[in-house]
């Protein structure tokens, strides 16, 4: 074990950070895959439909119904249109600025 130069030290730190970020990403993906697999199998047993039902979207009377884990949220379509127009305006502004 000799003296570790500055360049080698920071190279090892970057490698360590990348490994840690990769481990966190893989753990997150594994958790998501487990939740989706469990939801798929429970839906297959309970409702005879083999589909993922954690998040579902339905259009009901010009309202978007978002169902997340059996909690229903209704979103007005005109609100979505206003939001889309706002985002387009923001994108145009940012394109003009930069």
Protein backbone atom coordinates (compact mmCIF):
# COMPACT_ATOMS: atom_id res chain seq x y z
CA UNK A 1 0.00 0.00 0.00
CA UNK A 2 1.65 3.10 -1.18
CA UNK A 3 0.70 6.66 -1.55
CA UNK A 4 -2.51 7.16 -3.56
CA UNK A 5 -2.33 10.14 -5.88
CA UNK A 6 -5.01 12.79 -6.03
CA UNK A 7 -6.22 11.66 -9.46
CA UNK A 8 -6.50 8.02 -8.42
CA UNK A 9 -8.27 8.96 -5.19
CA UNK A 10 -11.02 10.92 -6.95
CA UNK A 11 -11.31 8.29 -9.67
CA UNK A 12 -12.02 5.71 -6.97
CA UNK A 13 -14.57 8.04 -5.36
CA UNK A 14 -16.38 8.43 -8.72
CA UNK A 15 -16.41 4.66 -9.21
CA UNK A 16 -17.80 4.18 -5.72
CA UNK A 17 -20.55 6.77 -6.34
CA UNK A 18 -21.50 5.08 -9.62
CA UNK A 19 -21.69 1.71 -7.93
CA UNK A 20 -23.85 3.12 -5.13
CA UNK A 21 -26.17 4.82 -7.62
CA UNK A 22 -26.44 1.59 -9.63
CA UNK A 23 -27.24 -0.41 -6.50
CA UNK A 24 -29.97 2.06 -5.49
CA UNK A 25 -31.42 2.01 -9.02
CA UNK A 26 -31.44 -1.79 -9.17
CA UNK A 27 -33.03 -2.03 -5.71
CA UNK A 28 -35.72 0.44 -6.77
CA UNK A 29 -36.41 -1.53 -9.96
CA UNK A 30 -36.57 -4.77 -7.98
CA UNK A 31 -39.11 -3.29 -5.56
CA UNK A 32 -41.24 -1.95 -8.43
CA UNK A 33 -41.08 -5.32 -10.21
CA UNK A 34 -42.13 -7.09 -7.00
CA UNK A 35 -45.08 -4.76 -6.42
CA UNK A 36 -46.25 -5.11 -10.03
CA UNK A 37 -45.87 -8.90 -9.91
CA UNK A 38 -47.84 -9.16 -6.69
CA UNK A 39 -50.59 -6.87 -8.01
CA UNK A 40 -50.80 -8.86 -11.25
CA UNK A 41 -51.15 -12.17 -9.42
CA UNK A 42 -53.69 -10.85 -6.88
CA UNK A 43 -55.81 -9.39 -9.69
CA UNK A 44 -55.59 -12.72 -11.49
CA UNK A 45 -56.89 -14.55 -8.43
CA UNK A 46 -59.55 -12.07 -7.36
CA UNK A 47 -61.04 -10.76 -10.60
CA UNK A 48 -60.03 -13.31 -13.25
CA UNK A 49 -58.22 -10.57 -15.16
CA UNK A 50 -54.49 -10.89 -15.35
CA UNK A 51 -53.59 -7.22 -15.50
CA UNK A 52 -51.83 -4.68 -13.36
CA UNK A 53 -54.35 -2.53 -11.53
CA UNK A 54 -52.28 -0.28 -9.30
CA UNK A 55 -52.84 2.63 -11.65
CA UNK A 56 -55.70 2.83 -14.13
CA UNK A 57 -57.11 5.64 -16.25
CA UNK A 58 -60.74 5.90 -17.38
CA UNK A 59 -62.61 8.63 -19.21
CA UNK A 60 -65.98 9.28 -17.53
CA UNK A 61 -68.25 12.13 -18.73
CA UNK A 62 -65.38 14.34 -20.02
CA UNK A 63 -63.50 13.78 -16.79
CA UNK A 64 -60.37 11.73 -16.49
CA UNK A 65 -60.67 9.25 -13.64
CA UNK A 66 -57.33 8.17 -12.22
CA UNK A 67 -57.53 5.17 -9.94
CA UNK A 68 -54.42 4.63 -7.81
CA UNK A 69 -54.57 1.68 -5.41
CA UNK A 70 -58.39 1.79 -5.39
CA UNK A 71 -58.49 5.51 -4.60
CA UNK A 72 -60.30 7.41 -7.34
CA UNK A 73 -59.35 10.91 -8.42
CA UNK A 74 -61.38 12.86 -10.97
CA UNK A 75 -59.62 15.44 -13.10
CA UNK A 76 -61.57 17.85 -15.29
CA UNK A 77 -60.58 17.79 -18.95
CA UNK A 78 -60.56 21.59 -19.22
CA UNK A 79 -58.08 21.77 -16.35
CA UNK A 80 -55.80 19.39 -18.25
CA UNK A 81 -56.12 21.51 -21.38
CA UNK A 82 -55.19 24.65 -19.42
CA UNK A 83 -52.19 22.86 -17.93
CA UNK A 84 -51.03 21.66 -21.36
CA UNK A 85 -51.34 25.19 -22.75
CA UNK A 86 -49.39 26.55 -19.78
CA UNK A 87 -46.61 24.00 -20.32
CA UNK A 88 -46.45 24.86 -24.05
CA UNK A 89 -46.15 28.55 -23.18
CA UNK A 90 -43.46 27.79 -20.64
CA UNK A 91 -41.54 25.69 -23.18
CA UNK A 92 -41.80 28.49 -25.76
CA UNK A 93 -40.57 31.02 -23.20
CA UNK A 94 -37.63 28.82 -22.19
CA UNK A 95 -36.75 28.24 -25.85
CA UNK A 96 -36.81 32.00 -26.39
CA UNK A 97 -34.64 32.67 -23.32
CA UNK A 98 -32.05 30.01 -24.03
